[in-house]
Amino acid sequence: GFDDIPLASHRRIDLTTVHQPAEEMGRLAAEMALSAIAAGTHAAERVIVPAQLVVRGSTGPAGRAG
């Protein structure tokens, strides 16, 4: 899964997912947009926000090759 929605951690689903810090991403995007508006330019900055793999019951050990 992706975005680590609350349902992913439900006991019956237990889905491994990627968590993104959505609140931080929104804050950064708003700051960049407001800075671009104030400067009269386009937002051209690239920001990498780390994601986190949340391993749950849907992920098992790797199978053996061959």
PDB file of N, CA and C in Angstrom:
ATOM      1  N   GLY A   1       0.821  -1.185   0.000  1.00  0.00           N
ATOM      2  CA  GLY A   1       0.000   0.000   0.000  1.00  0.00           C
ATOM      3  C   GLY A   1       0.864   1.247   0.000  1.00  0.00           C
ATOM      4  N   PHE A   2       0.198   2.395  -0.121  1.00  0.00           N
ATOM      5  CA  PHE A   2       0.911   3.664  -0.130  1.00  0.00           C
ATOM      6  C   PHE A   2       0.092   4.680   0.650  1.00  0.00           C
ATOM      7  N   ASP A   3       0.732   5.553   1.355  1.00  0.00           N
ATOM      8  CA  ASP A   3       0.169   6.636   2.162  1.00  0.00           C
ATOM      9  C   ASP A   3      -0.199   6.210   3.576  1.00  0.00           C
ATOM     10  N   ASP A   4      -0.054   4.958   3.943  1.00  0.00           N
ATOM     11  CA  ASP A   4      -0.282   4.478   5.301  1.00  0.00           C
ATOM     12  C   ASP A   4      -1.609   4.966   5.875  1.00  0.00           C
ATOM     13  N   ILE A   5      -2.692   4.752   5.119  1.00  0.00           N
ATOM     14  CA  ILE A   5      -4.005   5.156   5.612  1.00  0.00           C
ATOM     15  C   ILE A   5      -4.356   4.343   6.851  1.00  0.00           C
ATOM     16  N   PRO A   6      -5.201   4.849   7.743  1.00  0.00           N
ATOM     17  CA  PRO A   6      -5.521   4.145   8.987  1.00  0.00           C
ATOM     18  C   PRO A   6      -6.022   2.709   8.772  1.00  0.00           C
ATOM     19  N   LEU A   7      -6.766   2.464   7.723  1.00  0.00           N
ATOM     20  CA  LEU A   7      -7.302   1.126   7.473  1.00  0.00           C
ATOM     21  C   LEU A   7      -6.187   0.103   7.237  1.00  0.00           C
ATOM     22  N   ALA A   8      -5.016   0.544   6.763  1.00  0.00           N
ATOM     23  CA  ALA A   8      -3.908  -0.372   6.497  1.00  0.00           C
ATOM     24  C   ALA A   8      -3.444  -1.091   7.754  1.00  0.00           C
ATOM     25  N   SER A   9      -3.593  -0.451   8.909  1.00  0.00           N
ATOM     26  CA  SER A   9      -3.132  -1.074  10.150  1.00  0.00           C
ATOM     27  C   SER A   9      -4.221  -1.898  10.837  1.00  0.00           C
ATOM     28  N   HIS A  10      -5.405  -1.979  10.235  1.00  0.00           N
ATOM     29  CA  HIS A  10      -6.488  -2.775  10.820  1.00  0.00           C
ATOM     30  C   HIS A  10      -6.023  -4.219  10.985  1.00  0.00           C
ATOM     31  N   ARG A  11      -6.365  -4.812  12.068  1.00  0.00           N
ATOM     32  CA  ARG A  11      -5.895  -6.163  12.412  1.00  0.00           C
ATOM     33  C   ARG A  11      -6.169  -7.193  11.318  1.00  0.00           C
ATOM     34  N   ARG A  12      -7.301  -7.119  10.649  1.00  0.00           N
ATOM     35  CA  ARG A  12      -7.636  -8.114   9.618  1.00  0.00           C
ATOM     36  C   ARG A  12      -6.938  -7.829   8.298  1.00  0.00           C
ATOM     37  N   ILE A  13      -6.503  -6.597   8.084  1.00  0.00           N
ATOM     38  CA  ILE A  13      -5.839  -6.228   6.829  1.00  0.00           C
ATOM     39  C   ILE A  13      -4.323  -6.276   7.005  1.00  0.00           C
ATOM     40  N   ASP A  14      -3.800  -5.572   8.005  1.00  0.00           N
ATOM     41  CA  ASP A  14      -2.383  -5.588   8.372  1.00  0.00           C
ATOM     42  C   ASP A  14      -1.464  -5.411   7.151  1.00  0.00           C
ATOM     43  N   LEU A  15      -1.716  -4.354   6.377  1.00  0.00           N
ATOM     44  CA  LEU A  15      -1.053  -4.123   5.096  1.00  0.00           C
ATOM     45  C   LEU A  15       0.263  -3.369   5.247  1.00  0.00           C
ATOM     46  N   THR A  16       1.327  -3.912   4.689  1.00  0.00           N
ATOM     47  CA  THR A  16       2.599  -3.190   4.610  1.00  0.00           C
ATOM     48  C   THR A  16       2.397  -2.002   3.680  1.00  0.00           C
ATOM     49  N   THR A  17       2.915  -0.855   4.059  1.00  0.00           N
ATOM     50  CA  THR A  17       2.647   0.359   3.301  1.00  0.00           C
ATOM     51  C   THR A  17       3.806   1.346   3.411  1.00  0.00           C
ATOM     52  N   VAL A  18       3.774   2.370   2.588  1.00  0.00           N
ATOM     53  CA  VAL A  18       4.760   3.434   2.641  1.00  0.00           C
ATOM     54  C   VAL A  18       4.083   4.641   3.285  1.00  0.00           C
ATOM     55  N   HIS A  19       4.698   5.169   4.334  1.00  0.00           N
ATOM     56  CA  HIS A  19       4.164   6.335   5.034  1.00  0.00           C
ATOM     57  C   HIS A  19       4.863   7.583   4.528  1.00  0.00           C
ATOM     58  N   GLN A  20       4.070   8.587   4.176  1.00  0.00           N
ATOM     59  CA  GLN A  20       4.605   9.883   3.771  1.00  0.00           C
ATOM     60  C   GLN A  20       4.131  10.920   4.785  1.00  0.00           C
ATOM     61  N   PRO A  21       4.986  11.859   5.164  1.00  0.00           N
ATOM     62  CA  PRO A  21       4.563  12.891   6.112  1.00  0.00           C
ATOM     63  C   PRO A  21       3.703  13.954   5.401  1.00  0.00           C
ATOM     64  N   ALA A  22       2.429  13.661   5.212  1.00  0.00           N
ATOM     65  CA  ALA A  22       1.537  14.516   4.418  1.00  0.00           C
ATOM     66  C   ALA A  22       1.446  15.931   4.960  1.00  0.00           C
ATOM     67  N   GLU A  23       1.383  16.079   6.273  1.00  0.00           N
ATOM     68  CA  GLU A  23       1.273  17.418   6.855  1.00  0.00           C
ATOM     69  C   GLU A  23       2.519  18.255   6.539  1.00  0.00           C
ATOM     70  N   GLU A  24       3.690  17.656   6.680  1.00  0.00           N
ATOM     71  CA  GLU A  24       4.934  18.359   6.366  1.00  0.00           C
ATOM     72  C   GLU A  24       4.999  18.698   4.877  1.00  0.00           C
ATOM     73  N   MET A  25       4.565  17.772   4.021  1.00  0.00           N
ATOM     74  CA  MET A  25       4.582  18.020   2.581  1.00  0.00           C
ATOM     75  C   MET A  25       3.662  19.183   2.222  1.00  0.00           C
ATOM     76  N   GLY A  26       2.490  19.237   2.847  1.00  0.00           N
ATOM     77  CA  GLY A  26       1.558  20.336   2.600  1.00  0.00           C
ATOM     78  C   GLY A  26       2.108  21.665   3.064  1.00  0.00           C
ATOM     79  N   ARG A  27       2.740  21.662   4.249  1.00  0.00           N
ATOM     80  CA  ARG A  27       3.332  22.890   4.788  1.00  0.00           C
ATOM     81  C   ARG A  27       4.433  23.403   3.871  1.00  0.00           C
ATOM     82  N   LEU A  28       5.311  22.503   3.429  1.00  0.00           N
ATOM     83  CA  LEU A  28       6.394  22.898   2.524  1.00  0.00           C
ATOM     84  C   LEU A  28       5.859  23.439   1.205  1.00  0.00           C
ATOM     85  N   ALA A  29       4.849  22.790   0.668  1.00  0.00           N
ATOM     86  CA  ALA A  29       4.262  23.243  -0.602  1.00  0.00           C
ATOM     87  C   ALA A  29       3.652  24.633  -0.460  1.00  0.00           C
ATOM     88  N   ALA A  30       2.957  24.870   0.653  1.00  0.00           N
ATOM     89  CA  ALA A  30       2.352  26.184   0.883  1.00  0.00           C
ATOM     90  C   ALA A  30       3.424  27.251   1.031  1.00  0.00           C
ATOM     91  N   GLU A  31       4.475  26.950   1.787  1.00  0.00           N
ATOM     92  CA  GLU A  31       5.570  27.908   1.954  1.00  0.00           C
ATOM     93  C   GLU A  31       6.222  28.231   0.611  1.00  0.00           C
ATOM     94  N   MET A  32       6.450  27.216  -0.202  1.00  0.00           N
ATOM     95  CA  MET A  32       7.067  27.437  -1.514  1.00  0.00           C
ATOM     96  C   MET A  32       6.163  28.270  -2.416  1.00  0.00           C
ATOM     97  N   ALA A  33       4.862  27.992  -2.390  1.00  0.00           N
ATOM     98  CA  ALA A  33       3.926  28.747  -3.229  1.00  0.00           C
ATOM     99  C   ALA A  33       3.866  30.199  -2.782  1.00  0.00           C
ATOM    100  N   LEU A  34       3.789  30.430  -1.472  1.00  0.00           N
ATOM    101  CA  LEU A  34       3.730  31.805  -0.979  1.00  0.00           C
ATOM    102  C   LEU A  34       5.021  32.568  -1.287  1.00  0.00           C
ATOM    103  N   SER A  35       6.159  31.908  -1.176  1.00  0.00           N
ATOM    104  CA  SER A  35       7.440  32.549  -1.515  1.00  0.00           C
ATOM    105  C   SER A  35       7.497  32.908  -2.991  1.00  0.00           C
ATOM    106  N   ALA A  36       7.016  32.000  -3.845  1.00  0.00           N
ATOM    107  CA  ALA A  36       7.018  32.253  -5.285  1.00  0.00           C
ATOM    108  C   ALA A  36       6.091  33.417  -5.631  1.00  0.00           C
ATOM    109  N   ILE A  37       4.934  33.470  -4.983  1.00  0.00           N
ATOM    110  CA  ILE A  37       3.995  34.574  -5.236  1.00  0.00           C
ATOM    111  C   ILE A  37       4.627  35.893  -4.811  1.00  0.00           C
ATOM    112  N   ALA A  38       5.247  35.901  -3.629  1.00  0.00           N
ATOM    113  CA  ALA A  38       5.872  37.126  -3.122  1.00  0.00           C
ATOM    114  C   ALA A  38       7.008  37.592  -4.032  1.00  0.00           C
ATOM    115  N   ALA A  39       7.734  36.631  -4.611  1.00  0.00           N
ATOM    116  CA  ALA A  39       8.860  36.972  -5.487  1.00  0.00           C
ATOM    117  C   ALA A  39       8.414  37.207  -6.928  1.00  0.00           C
ATOM    118  N   GLY A  40       7.173  36.885  -7.251  1.00  0.00           N
ATOM    119  CA  GLY A  40       6.682  37.045  -8.616  1.00  0.00           C
ATOM    120  C   GLY A  40       7.278  36.044  -9.584  1.00  0.00           C
ATOM    121  N   THR A  41       7.628  34.857  -9.087  1.00  0.00           N
ATOM    122  CA  THR A  41       8.228  33.810  -9.922  1.00  0.00           C
ATOM    123  C   THR A  41       7.452  32.507  -9.760  1.00  0.00           C
ATOM    124  N   HIS A  42       7.924  31.476 -10.441  1.00  0.00           N
ATOM    125  CA  HIS A  42       7.373  30.131 -10.269  1.00  0.00           C
ATOM    126  C   HIS A  42       8.183  29.403  -9.205  1.00  0.00           C
ATOM    127  N   ALA A  43       7.523  28.536  -8.465  1.00  0.00           N
ATOM    128  CA  ALA A  43       8.239  27.725  -7.472  1.00  0.00           C
ATOM    129  C   ALA A  43       9.071  26.698  -8.218  1.00  0.00           C
ATOM    130  N   ALA A  44      10.395  26.815  -8.120  1.00  0.00           N
ATOM    131  CA  ALA A  44      11.280  25.922  -8.869  1.00  0.00           C
ATOM    132  C   ALA A  44      12.165  25.097  -7.942  1.00  0.00           C
ATOM    133  N   GLU A  45      11.948  25.206  -6.657  1.00  0.00           N
ATOM    134  CA  GLU A  45      12.772  24.478  -5.697  1.00  0.00           C
ATOM    135  C   GLU A  45      12.337  23.015  -5.636  1.00  0.00           C
ATOM    136  N   ARG A  46      13.298  22.126  -5.504  1.00  0.00           N
ATOM    137  CA  ARG A  46      12.995  20.700  -5.371  1.00  0.00           C
ATOM    138  C   ARG A  46      13.326  20.294  -3.936  1.00  0.00           C
ATOM    139  N   VAL A  47      12.347  19.693  -3.272  1.00  0.00           N
ATOM    140  CA  VAL A  47      12.528  19.264  -1.895  1.00  0.00           C
ATOM    141  C   VAL A  47      12.232  17.770  -1.822  1.00  0.00           C
ATOM    142  N   ILE A  48      13.122  17.027  -1.226  1.00  0.00           N
ATOM    143  CA  ILE A  48      12.909  15.591  -1.040  1.00  0.00           C
ATOM    144  C   ILE A  48      12.526  15.358   0.414  1.00  0.00           C
ATOM    145  N   VAL A  49      11.361  14.787   0.609  1.00  0.00           N
ATOM    146  CA  VAL A  49      10.875  14.481   1.949  1.00  0.00           C
ATOM    147  C   VAL A  49      10.950  12.964   2.112  1.00  0.00           C
ATOM    148  N   PRO A  50      11.685  12.490   3.111  1.00  0.00           N
ATOM    149  CA  PRO A  50      11.857  11.045   3.263  1.00  0.00           C
ATOM    150  C   PRO A  50      10.546  10.326   3.587  1.00  0.00           C
ATOM    151  N   ALA A  51      10.387   9.170   3.002  1.00  0.00           N
ATOM    152  CA  ALA A  51       9.247   8.300   3.280  1.00  0.00           C
ATOM    153  C   ALA A  51       9.732   7.154   4.166  1.00  0.00           C
ATOM    154  N   GLN A  52       8.789   6.453   4.772  1.00  0.00           N
ATOM    155  CA  GLN A  52       9.139   5.356   5.675  1.00  0.00           C
ATOM    156  C   GLN A  52       8.337   4.113   5.300  1.00  0.00           C
ATOM    157  N   LEU A  53       9.018   2.987   5.186  1.00  0.00           N
ATOM    158  CA  LEU A  53       8.345   1.720   4.937  1.00  0.00           C
ATOM    159  C   LEU A  53       7.818   1.189   6.262  1.00  0.00           C
ATOM    160  N   VAL A  54       6.515   0.916   6.317  1.00  0.00           N
ATOM    161  CA  VAL A  54       5.885   0.371   7.514  1.00  0.00           C
ATOM    162  C   VAL A  54       5.546  -1.086   7.213  1.00  0.00           C
ATOM    163  N   VAL A  55       6.352  -1.997   7.749  1.00  0.00           N
ATOM    164  CA  VAL A  55       6.181  -3.426   7.467  1.00  0.00           C
ATOM    165  C   VAL A  55       5.153  -4.004   8.432  1.00  0.00           C
ATOM    166  N   ARG A  56       4.154  -4.658   7.845  1.00  0.00           N
ATOM    167  CA  ARG A  56       3.104  -5.291   8.642  1.00  0.00           C
ATOM    168  C   ARG A  56       2.951  -6.742   8.176  1.00  0.00           C
ATOM    169  N   GLY A  57       1.865  -7.357   8.561  1.00  0.00           N
ATOM    170  CA  GLY A  57       1.655  -8.786   8.330  1.00  0.00           C
ATOM    171  C   GLY A  57       1.535  -9.211   6.882  1.00  0.00           C
ATOM    172  N   SER A  58       1.306  -8.281   5.942  1.00  0.00           N
ATOM    173  CA  SER A  58       1.173  -8.680   4.543  1.00  0.00           C
ATOM    174  C   SER A  58       2.528  -8.956   3.896  1.00  0.00           C
ATOM    175  N   THR A  59       3.604  -8.718   4.621  1.00  0.00           N
ATOM    176  CA  THR A  59       4.938  -8.968   4.106  1.00  0.00           C
ATOM    177  C   THR A  59       5.526 -10.163   4.827  1.00  0.00           C
ATOM    178  N   GLY A  60       5.952 -11.152   4.067  1.00  0.00           N
ATOM    179  CA  GLY A  60       6.561 -12.344   4.653  1.00  0.00           C
ATOM    180  C   GLY A  60       8.012 -12.447   4.239  1.00  0.00           C
ATOM    181  N   PRO A  61       8.671 -13.487   4.679  1.00  0.00           N
ATOM    182  CA  PRO A  61      10.073 -13.667   4.303  1.00  0.00           C
ATOM    183  C   PRO A  61      10.192 -13.927   2.800  1.00  0.00           C
ATOM    184  N   ALA A  62      11.332 -13.579   2.245  1.00  0.00           N
ATOM    185  CA  ALA A  62      11.585 -13.810   0.834  1.00  0.00           C
ATOM    186  C   ALA A  62      11.621 -15.304   0.544  1.00  0.00           C
ATOM    187  N   GLY A  63      11.089 -15.691  -0.609  1.00  0.00           N
ATOM    188  CA  GLY A  63      11.126 -17.094  -1.003  1.00  0.00           C
ATOM    189  C   GLY A  63      12.523 -17.508  -1.459  1.00  0.00           C
ATOM    190  N   ARG A  64      12.748 -18.777  -1.508  1.00  0.00           N
ATOM    191  CA  ARG A  64      14.052 -19.286  -1.953  1.00  0.00           C
ATOM    192  C   ARG A  64      14.040 -19.394  -3.473  1.00  0.00           C
ATOM    193  N   ALA A  65      15.105 -18.938  -4.097  1.00  0.00           N
ATOM    194  CA  ALA A  65      15.239 -19.024  -5.557  1.00  0.00           C
ATOM    195  C   ALA A  65      15.573 -20.461  -5.941  1.00  0.00           C
ATOM    196  N   GLY A  66      14.975 -20.890  -7.065  1.00  0.00           N
ATOM    197  CA  GLY A  66      15.339 -22.194  -7.611  1.00  0.00           C
ATOM    198  C   GLY A  66      14.433 -23.219  -7.205  1.00  0.00           C
TER     199      GLY A  66
END
